[in-house]
Amino acid sequence: MTSDDGTAKGGAERDAKAERERRLAEALRENLLKRKAQARGRRAGEADQCAGLAAARPDDGKSDDSGKQ
């Protein structure tokens, strides 16, 4: 079916596309603000606030059982 202007789906498709573009733009702005805050923190010498990887954490003085003497 076609609408009066000859398009297949009319305004509903345009509304969905506009909503998707709005959500993507909002997510992009939030990501940019987060990255700017991270960069400011690095310049100020603050510690990174993320939890990080468990494997990268130092072990608390536990002995190494690798067989080295």
N, C-alpha and C. Protein backbone atom coordinates (compact mmCIF):
# COMPACT_ATOMS: atom_id res chain seq x y z
N MET A 1 0.82 -1.18 0.00
CA MET A 1 0.00 0.00 0.00
C MET A 1 0.86 1.24 0.00
N THR A 2 0.42 2.25 -0.68
CA THR A 2 1.16 3.51 -0.71
C THR A 2 0.31 4.61 -0.10
N SER A 3 0.99 5.61 0.45
CA SER A 3 0.28 6.74 1.01
C SER A 3 0.06 7.77 -0.09
N ASP A 4 -0.53 8.90 0.28
CA ASP A 4 -0.84 9.95 -0.69
C ASP A 4 0.40 10.51 -1.38
N ASP A 5 1.52 10.55 -0.68
CA ASP A 5 2.72 11.12 -1.29
C ASP A 5 3.54 10.08 -2.06
N GLY A 6 3.06 8.83 -2.15
CA GLY A 6 3.71 7.82 -2.94
C GLY A 6 4.74 7.00 -2.20
N THR A 7 4.93 7.26 -0.91
CA THR A 7 5.90 6.47 -0.16
C THR A 7 5.24 5.19 0.33
N ALA A 8 6.06 4.20 0.58
CA ALA A 8 5.52 2.90 0.95
C ALA A 8 5.00 2.88 2.38
N LYS A 9 5.73 3.48 3.32
CA LYS A 9 5.31 3.37 4.71
C LYS A 9 4.98 4.71 5.35
N GLY A 10 5.26 5.79 4.69
CA GLY A 10 4.86 7.09 5.19
C GLY A 10 5.62 7.56 6.41
N GLY A 11 4.91 8.23 7.31
CA GLY A 11 5.52 8.88 8.47
C GLY A 11 6.02 7.93 9.53
N ALA A 12 5.47 6.74 9.63
CA ALA A 12 5.88 5.81 10.68
C ALA A 12 7.35 5.43 10.54
N GLU A 13 7.78 5.22 9.32
CA GLU A 13 9.18 4.86 9.08
C GLU A 13 10.11 6.02 9.41
N ARG A 14 9.69 7.22 9.05
CA ARG A 14 10.50 8.40 9.34
C ARG A 14 10.58 8.64 10.84
N ASP A 15 9.49 8.42 11.56
CA ASP A 15 9.49 8.60 13.01
C ASP A 15 10.42 7.60 13.68
N ALA A 16 10.40 6.36 13.24
CA ALA A 16 11.27 5.33 13.81
C ALA A 16 12.74 5.66 13.54
N LYS A 17 13.03 6.13 12.35
CA LYS A 17 14.40 6.48 12.01
C LYS A 17 14.87 7.68 12.83
N ALA A 18 14.01 8.66 12.99
CA ALA A 18 14.36 9.84 13.77
C ALA A 18 14.58 9.47 15.24
N GLU A 19 13.76 8.59 15.78
CA GLU A 19 13.91 8.15 17.16
C GLU A 19 15.22 7.39 17.35
N ARG A 20 15.56 6.53 16.39
CA ARG A 20 16.81 5.77 16.46
C ARG A 20 18.00 6.72 16.41
N GLU A 21 17.96 7.69 15.52
CA GLU A 21 19.05 8.66 15.41
C GLU A 21 19.18 9.48 16.69
N ARG A 22 18.06 9.82 17.32
CA ARG A 22 18.08 10.58 18.56
C ARG A 22 18.73 9.77 19.68
N ARG A 23 18.36 8.48 19.78
CA ARG A 23 18.94 7.61 20.81
C ARG A 23 20.44 7.42 20.59
N LEU A 24 20.85 7.24 19.34
CA LEU A 24 22.27 7.08 19.04
C LEU A 24 23.05 8.35 19.37
N ALA A 25 22.49 9.51 19.06
CA ALA A 25 23.15 10.77 19.37
C ALA A 25 23.28 10.96 20.88
N GLU A 26 22.25 10.57 21.63
CA GLU A 26 22.30 10.69 23.08
C GLU A 26 23.37 9.76 23.67
N ALA A 27 23.44 8.54 23.17
CA ALA A 27 24.45 7.59 23.64
C ALA A 27 25.85 8.10 23.31
N LEU A 28 26.01 8.70 22.14
CA LEU A 28 27.30 9.25 21.74
C LEU A 28 27.72 10.39 22.65
N ARG A 29 26.77 11.27 23.00
CA ARG A 29 27.07 12.38 23.91
C ARG A 29 27.49 11.86 25.28
N GLU A 30 26.77 10.86 25.81
CA GLU A 30 27.11 10.29 27.11
C GLU A 30 28.50 9.67 27.10
N ASN A 31 28.82 8.96 26.02
CA ASN A 31 30.13 8.33 25.89
C ASN A 31 31.23 9.40 25.83
N LEU A 32 30.97 10.47 25.09
CA LEU A 32 31.95 11.54 24.98
C LEU A 32 32.20 12.19 26.34
N LEU A 33 31.13 12.45 27.10
CA LEU A 33 31.28 13.04 28.42
C LEU A 33 32.08 12.13 29.36
N LYS A 34 31.82 10.82 29.27
CA LYS A 34 32.55 9.87 30.10
C LYS A 34 34.03 9.87 29.75
N ARG A 35 34.34 9.86 28.45
CA ARG A 35 35.74 9.86 28.03
C ARG A 35 36.45 11.16 28.41
N LYS A 36 35.75 12.28 28.32
CA LYS A 36 36.35 13.55 28.72
C LYS A 36 36.65 13.54 30.22
N ALA A 37 35.75 12.98 31.03
CA ALA A 37 35.97 12.90 32.47
C ALA A 37 37.17 12.01 32.76
N GLN A 38 37.31 10.91 32.03
CA GLN A 38 38.47 10.03 32.22
C GLN A 38 39.76 10.75 31.88
N ALA A 39 39.75 11.50 30.80
CA ALA A 39 40.96 12.23 30.38
C ALA A 39 41.32 13.29 31.41
N ARG A 40 40.32 14.00 31.94
CA ARG A 40 40.59 15.01 32.97
C ARG A 40 41.17 14.35 34.21
N GLY A 41 40.63 13.19 34.58
CA GLY A 41 41.14 12.47 35.74
C GLY A 41 42.57 12.04 35.56
N ARG A 42 42.92 11.61 34.38
CA ARG A 42 44.31 11.20 34.11
C ARG A 42 45.25 12.39 34.20
N ARG A 43 44.81 13.52 33.67
CA ARG A 43 45.65 14.73 33.72
C ARG A 43 45.84 15.19 35.16
N ALA A 44 44.80 15.02 35.98
CA ALA A 44 44.86 15.45 37.38
C ALA A 44 45.59 14.44 38.24
N GLY A 45 45.91 13.28 37.70
CA GLY A 45 46.64 12.27 38.44
C GLY A 45 45.77 11.43 39.35
N GLU A 46 44.47 11.45 39.15
CA GLU A 46 43.57 10.65 39.97
C GLU A 46 43.63 9.19 39.54
N ALA A 47 43.31 8.31 40.47
CA ALA A 47 43.27 6.89 40.17
C ALA A 47 42.05 6.58 39.31
N ASP A 48 42.17 5.58 38.47
CA ASP A 48 41.07 5.14 37.63
C ASP A 48 39.99 4.53 38.52
N GLN A 49 38.73 4.87 38.28
CA GLN A 49 37.64 4.43 39.14
C GLN A 49 37.06 3.07 38.76
N CYS A 50 37.47 2.49 37.64
CA CYS A 50 36.91 1.21 37.23
C CYS A 50 37.52 0.07 38.03
N ALA A 51 36.81 -1.05 38.13
CA ALA A 51 37.24 -2.19 38.93
C ALA A 51 38.42 -2.90 38.28
N GLY A 52 38.46 -2.97 36.98
CA GLY A 52 39.57 -3.61 36.29
C GLY A 52 39.44 -5.12 36.24
N LEU A 53 40.50 -5.76 35.79
CA LEU A 53 40.51 -7.21 35.66
C LEU A 53 41.05 -7.85 36.93
N ALA A 54 40.45 -8.96 37.32
CA ALA A 54 40.89 -9.65 38.52
C ALA A 54 42.32 -10.18 38.35
N ALA A 55 42.68 -10.59 37.16
CA ALA A 55 44.02 -11.13 36.91
C ALA A 55 45.10 -10.07 37.02
N ALA A 56 44.75 -8.82 36.87
CA ALA A 56 45.73 -7.74 36.92
C ALA A 56 45.99 -7.26 38.33
N ARG A 57 45.18 -7.69 39.30
CA ARG A 57 45.36 -7.27 40.68
C ARG A 57 46.56 -8.01 41.30
N PRO A 58 47.33 -7.31 42.11
CA PRO A 58 48.45 -7.99 42.76
C PRO A 58 47.94 -8.98 43.80
N ASP A 59 48.60 -10.11 43.88
CA ASP A 59 48.20 -11.08 44.90
C ASP A 59 48.80 -10.64 46.23
N ASP A 60 48.13 -10.94 47.31
CA ASP A 60 48.45 -10.42 48.62
C ASP A 60 49.58 -11.21 49.30
N GLY A 61 50.76 -11.23 48.70
CA GLY A 61 51.89 -11.91 49.30
C GLY A 61 51.79 -13.42 49.28
N LYS A 62 50.97 -13.96 48.46
CA LYS A 62 50.84 -15.42 48.38
C LYS A 62 52.08 -16.00 47.73
N SER A 63 52.46 -17.20 48.15
CA SER A 63 53.66 -17.82 47.60
C SER A 63 53.40 -18.29 46.17
N ASP A 64 54.46 -18.32 45.41
CA ASP A 64 54.39 -18.75 44.02
C ASP A 64 54.75 -20.24 43.95
N ASP A 65 53.85 -21.04 43.47
CA ASP A 65 54.06 -22.49 43.40
C ASP A 65 54.56 -22.91 42.03
N SER A 66 55.39 -22.11 41.40
CA SER A 66 55.85 -22.43 40.06
C SER A 66 57.03 -23.39 40.04
N GLY A 67 57.59 -23.76 41.22
CA GLY A 67 58.70 -24.71 41.28
C GLY A 67 60.05 -24.06 41.32
N LYS A 68 60.11 -22.73 41.26
CA LYS A 68 61.39 -22.02 41.31
C LYS A 68 61.90 -22.00 42.74
N GLN A 69 63.23 -22.09 42.91
CA GLN A 69 63.81 -22.01 44.24
C GLN A 69 64.80 -20.90 44.34
